[in-house]
């Protein structure tokens, strides 16, 4: 199973510890998709940062990733917030670097 497919599956468990395990210790996660809804981009460096950020999100609200397509190192998906009644954030994630089955660099951009 590809790391991107695992990303979508693990994300939907809303389990920050399991999600963190997809990433290398010194990973870089950059997410500009929140800018589509007026929020600041997210920049996280390191596996511990992944855990801290997503633990906060997953405890604050239910979040769902609906994978639309995976093409090589690019995944298009929608991030939904079912309890908030807001439209999903349309995302295009790029796996920039992977090593030993772990995500080293991952960038997310808004999809139109």
PDB file of N, CA and C in Angstrom:
ATOM      1  N   UNK A   1       0.861  -1.183   0.000  1.00  0.00           N
ATOM      2  CA  UNK A   1       0.000   0.000   0.000  1.00  0.00           C
ATOM      3  C   UNK A   1       0.905   1.243   0.000  1.00  0.00           C
ATOM      4  N   UNK A   2       0.545   2.213  -0.815  1.00  0.00           N
ATOM      5  CA  UNK A   2       1.347   3.441  -0.902  1.00  0.00           C
ATOM      6  C   UNK A   2       1.206   4.264   0.370  1.00  0.00           C
ATOM      7  N   UNK A   3       2.214   5.055   0.644  1.00  0.00           N
ATOM      8  CA  UNK A   3       2.189   5.917   1.825  1.00  0.00           C
ATOM      9  C   UNK A   3       1.049   6.934   1.735  1.00  0.00           C
ATOM     10  N   UNK A   4       0.702   7.364   0.525  1.00  0.00           N
ATOM     11  CA  UNK A   4      -0.406   8.311   0.385  1.00  0.00           C
ATOM     12  C   UNK A   4      -1.742   7.656   0.706  1.00  0.00           C
ATOM     13  N   UNK A   5      -1.917   6.415   0.299  1.00  0.00           N
ATOM     14  CA  UNK A   5      -3.155   5.705   0.641  1.00  0.00           C
ATOM     15  C   UNK A   5      -3.246   5.516   2.160  1.00  0.00           C
ATOM     16  N   UNK A   6      -2.122   5.169   2.781  1.00  0.00           N
ATOM     17  CA  UNK A   6      -2.088   5.039   4.244  1.00  0.00           C
ATOM     18  C   UNK A   6      -2.428   6.373   4.907  1.00  0.00           C
ATOM     19  N   UNK A   7      -1.919   7.461   4.351  1.00  0.00           N
ATOM     20  CA  UNK A   7      -2.172   8.803   4.881  1.00  0.00           C
ATOM     21  C   UNK A   7      -3.679   9.034   5.007  1.00  0.00           C
ATOM     22  N   UNK A   8      -4.411   8.774   3.913  1.00  0.00           N
ATOM     23  CA  UNK A   8      -5.867   8.966   3.934  1.00  0.00           C
ATOM     24  C   UNK A   8      -6.557   8.066   4.938  1.00  0.00           C
ATOM     25  N   UNK A   9      -6.156   6.811   4.989  1.00  0.00           N
ATOM     26  CA  UNK A   9      -6.793   5.862   5.902  1.00  0.00           C
ATOM     27  C   UNK A   9      -6.513   6.199   7.364  1.00  0.00           C
ATOM     28  N   UNK A  10      -5.258   6.489   7.672  1.00  0.00           N
ATOM     29  CA  UNK A  10      -4.896   6.786   9.057  1.00  0.00           C
ATOM     30  C   UNK A  10      -5.492   8.122   9.498  1.00  0.00           C
ATOM     31  N   UNK A  11      -5.515   9.106   8.604  1.00  0.00           N
ATOM     32  CA  UNK A  11      -6.101  10.405   8.913  1.00  0.00           C
ATOM     33  C   UNK A  11      -7.544  10.234   9.395  1.00  0.00           C
ATOM     34  N   UNK A  12      -8.294   9.381   8.728  1.00  0.00           N
ATOM     35  CA  UNK A  12      -9.712   9.199   9.055  1.00  0.00           C
ATOM     36  C   UNK A  12      -9.953   8.485  10.377  1.00  0.00           C
ATOM     37  N   UNK A  13      -8.918   7.934  10.967  1.00  0.00           N
ATOM     38  CA  UNK A  13      -9.054   7.345  12.299  1.00  0.00           C
ATOM     39  C   UNK A  13      -8.995   8.419  13.375  1.00  0.00           C
ATOM     40  N   UNK A  14      -8.597   9.647  12.976  1.00  0.00           N
ATOM     41  CA  UNK A  14      -8.446  10.767  13.912  1.00  0.00           C
ATOM     42  C   UNK A  14      -7.579  10.356  15.101  1.00  0.00           C
ATOM     43  N   UNK A  15      -6.494   9.638  14.805  1.00  0.00           N
ATOM     44  CA  UNK A  15      -5.554   9.137  15.805  1.00  0.00           C
ATOM     45  C   UNK A  15      -4.198   9.795  15.540  1.00  0.00           C
ATOM     46  N   UNK A  16      -3.863  10.804  16.328  1.00  0.00           N
ATOM     47  CA  UNK A  16      -2.636  11.575  16.095  1.00  0.00           C
ATOM     48  C   UNK A  16      -1.383  10.723  16.215  1.00  0.00           C
ATOM     49  N   UNK A  17      -1.375   9.766  17.125  1.00  0.00           N
ATOM     50  CA  UNK A  17      -0.188   8.914  17.286  1.00  0.00           C
ATOM     51  C   UNK A  17       0.027   8.059  16.043  1.00  0.00           C
ATOM     52  N   UNK A  18      -1.023   7.440  15.538  1.00  0.00           N
ATOM     53  CA  UNK A  18      -0.904   6.625  14.320  1.00  0.00           C
ATOM     54  C   UNK A  18      -0.535   7.495  13.127  1.00  0.00           C
ATOM     55  N   UNK A  19      -1.096   8.699  13.044  1.00  0.00           N
ATOM     56  CA  UNK A  19      -0.792   9.617  11.947  1.00  0.00           C
ATOM     57  C   UNK A  19       0.677  10.030  11.992  1.00  0.00           C
ATOM     58  N   UNK A  20       1.165  10.345  13.168  1.00  0.00           N
ATOM     59  CA  UNK A  20       2.556  10.740  13.365  1.00  0.00           C
ATOM     60  C   UNK A  20       3.517   9.661  12.868  1.00  0.00           C
ATOM     61  N   UNK A  21       3.145   8.414  13.029  1.00  0.00           N
ATOM     62  CA  UNK A  21       4.029   7.302  12.657  1.00  0.00           C
ATOM     63  C   UNK A  21       4.249   7.198  11.143  1.00  0.00           C
ATOM     64  N   UNK A  22       3.472   7.914  10.346  1.00  0.00           N
ATOM     65  CA  UNK A  22       3.682   7.938   8.900  1.00  0.00           C
ATOM     66  C   UNK A  22       4.876   8.816   8.517  1.00  0.00           C
ATOM     67  N   UNK A  23       5.353   9.637   9.442  1.00  0.00           N
ATOM     68  CA  UNK A  23       6.350  10.654   9.152  1.00  0.00           C
ATOM     69  C   UNK A  23       7.712  10.313   9.739  1.00  0.00           C
ATOM     70  N   UNK A  24       8.759  10.776   9.045  1.00  0.00           N
ATOM     71  CA  UNK A  24      10.134  10.647   9.526  1.00  0.00           C
ATOM     72  C   UNK A  24      10.350  11.603  10.701  1.00  0.00           C
ATOM     73  N   UNK A  25      11.343  11.308  11.519  1.00  0.00           N
ATOM     74  CA  UNK A  25      11.624  12.137  12.696  1.00  0.00           C
ATOM     75  C   UNK A  25      11.842  13.601  12.340  1.00  0.00           C
ATOM     76  N   UNK A  26      12.536  13.860  11.232  1.00  0.00           N
ATOM     77  CA  UNK A  26      12.890  15.231  10.856  1.00  0.00           C
ATOM     78  C   UNK A  26      12.047  15.746   9.681  1.00  0.00           C
ATOM     79  N   UNK A  27      10.814  15.334   9.622  1.00  0.00           N
ATOM     80  CA  UNK A  27       9.927  15.668   8.500  1.00  0.00           C
ATOM     81  C   UNK A  27       9.601  17.160   8.424  1.00  0.00           C
ATOM     82  N   UNK A  28       9.130  17.549   7.245  1.00  0.00           N
ATOM     83  CA  UNK A  28       8.594  18.888   7.019  1.00  0.00           C
ATOM     84  C   UNK A  28       7.190  18.719   6.437  1.00  0.00           C
ATOM     85  N   UNK A  29       6.212  19.350   7.065  1.00  0.00           N
ATOM     86  CA  UNK A  29       4.817  19.317   6.623  1.00  0.00           C
ATOM     87  C   UNK A  29       4.389  20.760   6.409  1.00  0.00           C
ATOM     88  N   UNK A  30       4.073  21.095   5.176  1.00  0.00           N
ATOM     89  CA  UNK A  30       3.627  22.453   4.849  1.00  0.00           C
ATOM     90  C   UNK A  30       2.246  22.357   4.231  1.00  0.00           C
ATOM     91  N   UNK A  31       1.288  23.087   4.789  1.00  0.00           N
ATOM     92  CA  UNK A  31      -0.099  23.004   4.332  1.00  0.00           C
ATOM     93  C   UNK A  31      -0.641  24.411   4.078  1.00  0.00           C
ATOM     94  N   UNK A  32      -0.755  24.763   2.796  1.00  0.00           N
ATOM     95  CA  UNK A  32      -1.304  26.067   2.406  1.00  0.00           C
ATOM     96  C   UNK A  32      -2.808  25.994   2.132  1.00  0.00           C
ATOM     97  N   UNK A  33      -3.410  24.810   2.196  1.00  0.00           N
ATOM     98  CA  UNK A  33      -4.839  24.661   1.902  1.00  0.00           C
ATOM     99  C   UNK A  33      -5.730  25.503   2.811  1.00  0.00           C
ATOM    100  N   UNK A  34      -5.402  25.701   4.092  1.00  0.00           N
ATOM    101  CA  UNK A  34      -6.274  26.534   4.927  1.00  0.00           C
ATOM    102  C   UNK A  34      -6.434  27.969   4.427  1.00  0.00           C
ATOM    103  N   UNK A  35      -5.529  28.436   3.591  1.00  0.00           N
ATOM    104  CA  UNK A  35      -5.655  29.795   3.061  1.00  0.00           C
ATOM    105  C   UNK A  35      -6.911  29.941   2.207  1.00  0.00           C
ATOM    106  N   UNK A  36      -7.425  28.835   1.685  1.00  0.00           N
ATOM    107  CA  UNK A  36      -8.643  28.866   0.866  1.00  0.00           C
ATOM    108  C   UNK A  36      -9.867  29.268   1.690  1.00  0.00           C
ATOM    109  N   UNK A  37      -9.796  29.102   3.014  1.00  0.00           N
ATOM    110  CA  UNK A  37     -10.917  29.485   3.881  1.00  0.00           C
ATOM    111  C   UNK A  37     -10.509  30.597   4.847  1.00  0.00           C
ATOM    112  N   UNK A  38      -9.476  31.368   4.473  1.00  0.00           N
ATOM    113  CA  UNK A  38      -9.080  32.536   5.241  1.00  0.00           C
ATOM    114  C   UNK A  38      -8.200  32.276   6.452  1.00  0.00           C
ATOM    115  N   UNK A  39      -7.641  31.083   6.546  1.00  0.00           N
ATOM    116  CA  UNK A  39      -6.757  30.761   7.672  1.00  0.00           C
ATOM    117  C   UNK A  39      -5.302  30.832   7.216  1.00  0.00           C
ATOM    118  N   UNK A  40      -4.400  30.854   8.172  1.00  0.00           N
ATOM    119  CA  UNK A  40      -2.972  30.861   7.868  1.00  0.00           C
ATOM    120  C   UNK A  40      -2.500  29.476   7.445  1.00  0.00           C
ATOM    121  N   UNK A  41      -1.440  29.425   6.632  1.00  0.00           N
ATOM    122  CA  UNK A  41      -0.861  28.118   6.296  1.00  0.00           C
ATOM    123  C   UNK A  41      -0.256  27.476   7.549  1.00  0.00           C
ATOM    124  N   UNK A  42      -0.077  26.181   7.479  1.00  0.00           N
ATOM    125  CA  UNK A  42       0.483  25.411   8.594  1.00  0.00           C
ATOM    126  C   UNK A  42       1.877  24.945   8.188  1.00  0.00           C
ATOM    127  N   UNK A  43       2.856  25.167   9.044  1.00  0.00           N
ATOM    128  CA  UNK A  43       4.209  24.682   8.812  1.00  0.00           C
ATOM    129  C   UNK A  43       4.630  23.916  10.059  1.00  0.00           C
ATOM    130  N   UNK A  44       4.961  22.659   9.869  1.00  0.00           N
ATOM    131  CA  UNK A  44       5.373  21.819  10.993  1.00  0.00           C
ATOM    132  C   UNK A  44       6.701  21.170  10.632  1.00  0.00           C
ATOM    133  N   UNK A  45       7.607  21.185  11.561  1.00  0.00           N
ATOM    134  CA  UNK A  45       8.887  20.505  11.363  1.00  0.00           C
ATOM    135  C   UNK A  45       9.040  19.484  12.484  1.00  0.00           C
ATOM    136  N   UNK A  46       9.229  18.228  12.099  1.00  0.00           N
ATOM    137  CA  UNK A  46       9.465  17.167  13.069  1.00  0.00           C
ATOM    138  C   UNK A  46       8.219  16.373  13.414  1.00  0.00           C
ATOM    139  N   UNK A  47       8.462  15.113  13.667  1.00  0.00           N
ATOM    140  CA  UNK A  47       7.403  14.155  13.985  1.00  0.00           C
ATOM    141  C   UNK A  47       6.620  14.564  15.237  1.00  0.00           C
ATOM    142  N   UNK A  48       7.323  15.092  16.242  1.00  0.00           N
ATOM    143  CA  UNK A  48       6.638  15.523  17.470  1.00  0.00           C
ATOM    144  C   UNK A  48       5.672  16.668  17.178  1.00  0.00           C
ATOM    145  N   UNK A  49       6.047  17.544  16.256  1.00  0.00           N
ATOM    146  CA  UNK A  49       5.163  18.638  15.866  1.00  0.00           C
ATOM    147  C   UNK A  49       3.913  18.135  15.170  1.00  0.00           C
ATOM    148  N   UNK A  50       4.070  17.108  14.336  1.00  0.00           N
ATOM    149  CA  UNK A  50       2.912  16.473  13.676  1.00  0.00           C
ATOM    150  C   UNK A  50       1.946  15.975  14.745  1.00  0.00           C
ATOM    151  N   UNK A  51       2.487  15.277  15.738  1.00  0.00           N
ATOM    152  CA  UNK A  51       1.640  14.755  16.804  1.00  0.00           C
ATOM    153  C   UNK A  51       0.914  15.883  17.540  1.00  0.00           C
ATOM    154  N   UNK A  52       1.642  16.915  17.937  1.00  0.00           N
ATOM    155  CA  UNK A  52       1.030  18.001  18.704  1.00  0.00           C
ATOM    156  C   UNK A  52      -0.093  18.686  17.930  1.00  0.00           C
ATOM    157  N   UNK A  53       0.160  19.015  16.670  1.00  0.00           N
ATOM    158  CA  UNK A  53      -0.836  19.734  15.871  1.00  0.00           C
ATOM    159  C   UNK A  53      -2.073  18.867  15.618  1.00  0.00           C
ATOM    160  N   UNK A  54      -1.853  17.649  15.153  1.00  0.00           N
ATOM    161  CA  UNK A  54      -3.004  16.818  14.798  1.00  0.00           C
ATOM    162  C   UNK A  54      -3.716  16.259  16.018  1.00  0.00           C
ATOM    163  N   UNK A  55      -3.028  16.099  17.122  1.00  0.00           N
ATOM    164  CA  UNK A  55      -3.704  15.699  18.355  1.00  0.00           C
ATOM    165  C   UNK A  55      -4.698  16.780  18.761  1.00  0.00           C
ATOM    166  N   UNK A  56      -4.272  18.043  18.632  1.00  0.00           N
ATOM    167  CA  UNK A  56      -5.163  19.161  18.947  1.00  0.00           C
ATOM    168  C   UNK A  56      -6.382  19.153  18.007  1.00  0.00           C
ATOM    169  N   UNK A  57      -6.126  19.041  16.694  1.00  0.00           N
ATOM    170  CA  UNK A  57      -7.224  19.038  15.727  1.00  0.00           C
ATOM    171  C   UNK A  57      -8.182  17.872  15.956  1.00  0.00           C
ATOM    172  N   UNK A  58      -7.635  16.672  16.095  1.00  0.00           N
ATOM    173  CA  UNK A  58      -8.472  15.479  16.212  1.00  0.00           C
ATOM    174  C   UNK A  58      -9.289  15.473  17.503  1.00  0.00           C
ATOM    175  N   UNK A  59      -8.808  16.120  18.542  1.00  0.00           N
ATOM    176  CA  UNK A  59      -9.583  16.210  19.778  1.00  0.00           C
ATOM    177  C   UNK A  59     -10.611  17.344  19.747  1.00  0.00           C
ATOM    178  N   UNK A  60     -10.375  18.327  18.911  1.00  0.00           N
ATOM    179  CA  UNK A  60     -11.279  19.473  18.844  1.00  0.00           C
ATOM    180  C   UNK A  60     -12.522  19.196  18.011  1.00  0.00           C
ATOM    181  N   UNK A  61     -12.381  18.365  16.978  1.00  0.00           N
ATOM    182  CA  UNK A  61     -13.495  18.136  16.060  1.00  0.00           C
ATOM    183  C   UNK A  61     -13.268  16.880  15.231  1.00  0.00           C
ATOM    184  N   UNK A  62     -14.310  16.349  14.681  1.00  0.00           N
ATOM    185  CA  UNK A  62     -14.208  15.236  13.743  1.00  0.00           C
ATOM    186  C   UNK A  62     -13.733  15.798  12.406  1.00  0.00           C
ATOM    187  N   UNK A  63     -12.711  15.166  11.837  1.00  0.00           N
ATOM    188  CA  UNK A  63     -12.175  15.582  10.545  1.00  0.00           C
ATOM    189  C   UNK A  63     -12.115  14.345   9.646  1.00  0.00           C
ATOM    190  N   UNK A  64     -12.540  14.514   8.398  1.00  0.00           N
ATOM    191  CA  UNK A  64     -12.548  13.399   7.443  1.00  0.00           C
ATOM    192  C   UNK A  64     -11.808  13.783   6.172  1.00  0.00           C
ATOM    193  N   UNK A  65     -11.006  12.844   5.684  1.00  0.00           N
ATOM    194  CA  UNK A  65     -10.333  13.018   4.390  1.00  0.00           C
ATOM    195  C   UNK A  65     -11.008  12.100   3.384  1.00  0.00           C
ATOM    196  N   UNK A  66     -11.488  12.675   2.296  1.00  0.00           N
ATOM    197  CA  UNK A  66     -12.067  11.888   1.210  1.00  0.00           C
ATOM    198  C   UNK A  66     -11.098  11.953   0.036  1.00  0.00           C
ATOM    199  N   UNK A  67     -10.413  10.850  -0.196  1.00  0.00           N
ATOM    200  CA  UNK A  67      -9.430  10.799  -1.277  1.00  0.00           C
ATOM    201  C   UNK A  67     -10.160  10.739  -2.607  1.00  0.00           C
ATOM    202  N   UNK A  68      -9.818  11.662  -3.491  1.00  0.00           N
ATOM    203  CA  UNK A  68     -10.406  11.724  -4.832  1.00  0.00           C
ATOM    204  C   UNK A  68      -9.544  10.989  -5.841  1.00  0.00           C
ATOM    205  N   UNK A  69      -8.216  11.133  -5.719  1.00  0.00           N
ATOM    206  CA  UNK A  69      -7.309  10.440  -6.635  1.00  0.00           C
ATOM    207  C   UNK A  69      -5.900  10.430  -6.069  1.00  0.00           C
ATOM    208  N   UNK A  70      -5.153   9.417  -6.485  1.00  0.00           N
ATOM    209  CA  UNK A  70      -3.719   9.341  -6.195  1.00  0.00           C
ATOM    210  C   UNK A  70      -3.047   9.054  -7.526  1.00  0.00           C
ATOM    211  N   UNK A  71      -2.107   9.921  -7.888  1.00  0.00           N
ATOM    212  CA  UNK A  71      -1.368   9.772  -9.145  1.00  0.00           C
ATOM    213  C   UNK A  71       0.110   9.961  -8.831  1.00  0.00           C
ATOM    214  N   UNK A  72       0.819   8.857  -8.692  1.00  0.00           N
ATOM    215  CA  UNK A  72       2.233   8.927  -8.336  1.00  0.00           C
ATOM    216  C   UNK A  72       2.405   9.508  -6.948  1.00  0.00           C
ATOM    217  N   UNK A  73       3.063  10.656  -6.864  1.00  0.00           N
ATOM    218  CA  UNK A  73       3.312  11.276  -5.566  1.00  0.00           C
ATOM    219  C   UNK A  73       2.330  12.411  -5.252  1.00  0.00           C
ATOM    220  N   UNK A  74       1.215  12.470  -5.983  1.00  0.00           N
ATOM    221  CA  UNK A  74       0.215  13.530  -5.782  1.00  0.00           C
ATOM    222  C   UNK A  74      -1.130  12.902  -5.385  1.00  0.00           C
ATOM    223  N   UNK A  75      -1.719  13.448  -4.333  1.00  0.00           N
ATOM    224  CA  UNK A  75      -3.027  12.975  -3.883  1.00  0.00           C
ATOM    225  C   UNK A  75      -3.972  14.167  -3.820  1.00  0.00           C
ATOM    226  N   UNK A  76      -5.115  14.023  -4.449  1.00  0.00           N
ATOM    227  CA  UNK A  76      -6.165  15.031  -4.337  1.00  0.00           C
ATOM    228  C   UNK A  76      -7.214  14.490  -3.381  1.00  0.00           C
ATOM    229  N   UNK A  77      -7.596  15.333  -2.425  1.00  0.00           N
ATOM    230  CA  UNK A  77      -8.551  14.905  -1.402  1.00  0.00           C
ATOM    231  C   UNK A  77      -9.284  16.109  -0.839  1.00  0.00           C
ATOM    232  N   UNK A  78     -10.404  15.826  -0.203  1.00  0.00           N
ATOM    233  CA  UNK A  78     -11.208  16.847   0.447  1.00  0.00           C
ATOM    234  C   UNK A  78     -11.143  16.616   1.951  1.00  0.00           C
ATOM    235  N   UNK A  79     -10.932  17.689   2.693  1.00  0.00           N
ATOM    236  CA  UNK A  79     -10.970  17.614   4.154  1.00  0.00           C
ATOM    237  C   UNK A  79     -12.304  18.179   4.605  1.00  0.00           C
ATOM    238  N   UNK A  80     -13.094  17.327   5.242  1.00  0.00           N
ATOM    239  CA  UNK A  80     -14.423  17.722   5.695  1.00  0.00           C
ATOM    240  C   UNK A  80     -14.510  17.795   7.209  1.00  0.00           C
ATOM    241  N   UNK A  81     -15.395  18.646   7.660  1.00  0.00           N
ATOM    242  CA  UNK A  81     -15.651  18.857   9.085  1.00  0.00           C
ATOM    243  C   UNK A  81     -17.142  18.620   9.317  1.00  0.00           C
ATOM    244  N   UNK A  82     -17.564  17.360   9.404  1.00  0.00           N
ATOM    245  CA  UNK A  82     -18.999  17.046   9.417  1.00  0.00           C
ATOM    246  C   UNK A  82     -19.787  17.690  10.554  1.00  0.00           C
ATOM    247  N   UNK A  83     -19.175  17.910  11.696  1.00  0.00           N
ATOM    248  CA  UNK A  83     -19.900  18.489  12.826  1.00  0.00           C
ATOM    249  C   UNK A  83     -20.038  20.003  12.728  1.00  0.00           C
ATOM    250  N   UNK A  84     -19.268  20.625  11.839  1.00  0.00           N
ATOM    251  CA  UNK A  84     -19.284  22.092  11.737  1.00  0.00           C
ATOM    252  C   UNK A  84     -20.196  22.598  10.628  1.00  0.00           C
ATOM    253  N   UNK A  85     -20.619  21.713   9.732  1.00  0.00           N
ATOM    254  CA  UNK A  85     -21.515  22.114   8.661  1.00  0.00           C
ATOM    255  C   UNK A  85     -20.902  23.083   7.664  1.00  0.00           C
ATOM    256  N   UNK A  86     -19.591  23.051   7.521  1.00  0.00           N
ATOM    257  CA  UNK A  86     -18.938  23.920   6.550  1.00  0.00           C
ATOM    258  C   UNK A  86     -18.498  23.108   5.337  1.00  0.00           C
ATOM    259  N   UNK A  87     -18.322  23.754   4.198  1.00  0.00           N
ATOM    260  CA  UNK A  87     -17.907  23.010   3.009  1.00  0.00           C
ATOM    261  C   UNK A  87     -16.493  22.450   3.189  1.00  0.00           C
ATOM    262  N   UNK A  88     -16.182  21.369   2.501  1.00  0.00           N
ATOM    263  CA  UNK A  88     -14.848  20.779   2.638  1.00  0.00           C
ATOM    264  C   UNK A  88     -13.768  21.677   2.037  1.00  0.00           C
ATOM    265  N   UNK A  89     -12.555  21.508   2.549  1.00  0.00           N
ATOM    266  CA  UNK A  89     -11.383  22.171   1.990  1.00  0.00           C
ATOM    267  C   UNK A  89     -10.808  21.227   0.935  1.00  0.00           C
ATOM    268  N   UNK A  90     -10.690  21.713  -0.300  1.00  0.00           N
ATOM    269  CA  UNK A  90     -10.201  20.899  -1.408  1.00  0.00           C
ATOM    270  C   UNK A  90      -8.680  20.972  -1.436  1.00  0.00           C
ATOM    271  N   UNK A  91      -8.021  19.825  -1.329  1.00  0.00           N
ATOM    272  CA  UNK A  91      -6.574  19.775  -1.151  1.00  0.00           C
ATOM    273  C   UNK A  91      -5.880  19.002  -2.272  1.00  0.00           C
ATOM    274  N   UNK A  92      -4.659  19.410  -2.529  1.00  0.00           N
ATOM    275  CA  UNK A  92      -3.753  18.698  -3.435  1.00  0.00           C
ATOM    276  C   UNK A  92      -2.451  18.513  -2.671  1.00  0.00           C
ATOM    277  N   UNK A  93      -2.189  17.300  -2.235  1.00  0.00           N
ATOM    278  CA  UNK A  93      -0.993  17.006  -1.468  1.00  0.00           C
ATOM    279  C   UNK A  93       0.089  16.420  -2.355  1.00  0.00           C
ATOM    280  N   UNK A  94       1.313  16.875  -2.137  1.00  0.00           N
ATOM    281  CA  UNK A  94       2.452  16.369  -2.899  1.00  0.00           C
ATOM    282  C   UNK A  94       3.470  15.760  -1.943  1.00  0.00           C
ATOM    283  N   UNK A  95       3.753  14.496  -2.171  1.00  0.00           N
ATOM    284  CA  UNK A  95       4.796  13.811  -1.427  1.00  0.00           C
ATOM    285  C   UNK A  95       6.120  14.194  -2.084  1.00  0.00           C
ATOM    286  N   UNK A  96       6.826  15.117  -1.474  1.00  0.00           N
ATOM    287  CA  UNK A  96       8.063  15.649  -2.039  1.00  0.00           C
ATOM    288  C   UNK A  96       9.219  14.691  -1.796  1.00  0.00           C
ATOM    289  N   UNK A  97       9.251  14.093  -0.613  1.00  0.00           N
ATOM    290  CA  UNK A  97      10.343  13.171  -0.287  1.00  0.00           C
ATOM    291  C   UNK A  97       9.847  12.097   0.659  1.00  0.00           C
ATOM    292  N   UNK A  98      10.239  10.871   0.368  1.00  0.00           N
ATOM    293  CA  UNK A  98       9.906   9.706   1.200  1.00  0.00           C
ATOM    294  C   UNK A  98      11.188   8.917   1.407  1.00  0.00           C
ATOM    295  N   UNK A  99      11.358   8.393   2.596  1.00  0.00           N
ATOM    296  CA  UNK A  99      12.542   7.591   2.888  1.00  0.00           C
ATOM    297  C   UNK A  99      12.166   6.472   3.846  1.00  0.00           C
ATOM    298  N   UNK A 100      12.537   5.250   3.492  1.00  0.00           N
ATOM    299  CA  UNK A 100      12.260   4.084   4.334  1.00  0.00           C
ATOM    300  C   UNK A 100      10.784   3.967   4.702  1.00  0.00           C
ATOM    301  N   UNK A 101       9.901   4.287   3.745  1.00  0.00           N
ATOM    302  CA  UNK A 101       8.469   4.165   3.974  1.00  0.00           C
ATOM    303  C   UNK A 101       7.875   5.249   4.853  1.00  0.00           C
ATOM    304  N   UNK A 102       8.622   6.321   5.103  1.00  0.00           N
ATOM    305  CA  UNK A 102       8.154   7.436   5.934  1.00  0.00           C
ATOM    306  C   UNK A 102       8.134   8.711   5.099  1.00  0.00           C
ATOM    307  N   UNK A 103       7.218   9.605   5.430  1.00  0.00           N
ATOM    308  CA  UNK A 103       7.132  10.896   4.762  1.00  0.00           C
ATOM    309  C   UNK A 103       8.198  11.819   5.339  1.00  0.00           C
ATOM    310  N   UNK A 104       9.049  12.342   4.454  1.00  0.00           N
ATOM    311  CA  UNK A 104      10.084  13.289   4.882  1.00  0.00           C
ATOM    312  C   UNK A 104       9.630  14.720   4.598  1.00  0.00           C
ATOM    313  N   UNK A 105       9.066  14.950   3.411  1.00  0.00           N
ATOM    314  CA  UNK A 105       8.534  16.276   3.064  1.00  0.00           C
ATOM    315  C   UNK A 105       7.200  16.100   2.365  1.00  0.00           C
ATOM    316  N   UNK A 106       6.193  16.824   2.855  1.00  0.00           N
ATOM    317  CA  UNK A 106       4.848  16.753   2.291  1.00  0.00           C
ATOM    318  C   UNK A 106       4.285  18.168   2.246  1.00  0.00           C
ATOM    319  N   UNK A 107       3.804  18.567   1.077  1.00  0.00           N
ATOM    320  CA  UNK A 107       3.225  19.906   0.892  1.00  0.00           C
ATOM    321  C   UNK A 107       1.790  19.774   0.421  1.00  0.00           C
ATOM    322  N   UNK A 108       0.919  20.618   0.954  1.00  0.00           N
ATOM    323  CA  UNK A 108      -0.493  20.626   0.594  1.00  0.00           C
ATOM    324  C   UNK A 108      -0.853  22.017   0.084  1.00  0.00           C
ATOM    325  N   UNK A 109      -1.608  22.032  -1.001  1.00  0.00           N
ATOM    326  CA  UNK A 109      -2.045  23.283  -1.614  1.00  0.00           C
ATOM    327  C   UNK A 109      -3.557  23.232  -1.821  1.00  0.00           C
ATOM    328  N   UNK A 110      -4.212  24.402  -1.872  1.00  0.00           N
ATOM    329  CA  UNK A 110      -5.637  24.401  -2.181  1.00  0.00           C
ATOM    330  C   UNK A 110      -5.871  23.921  -3.609  1.00  0.00           C
ATOM    331  N   UNK A 111      -6.934  23.200  -3.803  1.00  0.00           N
ATOM    332  CA  UNK A 111      -7.332  22.703  -5.119  1.00  0.00           C
ATOM    333  C   UNK A 111      -8.581  23.457  -5.533  1.00  0.00           C
ATOM    334  N   UNK A 112      -8.633  23.872  -6.758  1.00  0.00           N
ATOM    335  CA  UNK A 112      -9.817  24.610  -7.221  1.00  0.00           C
ATOM    336  C   UNK A 112     -10.678  23.746  -8.122  1.00  0.00           C
TER     337      UNK A 112
END
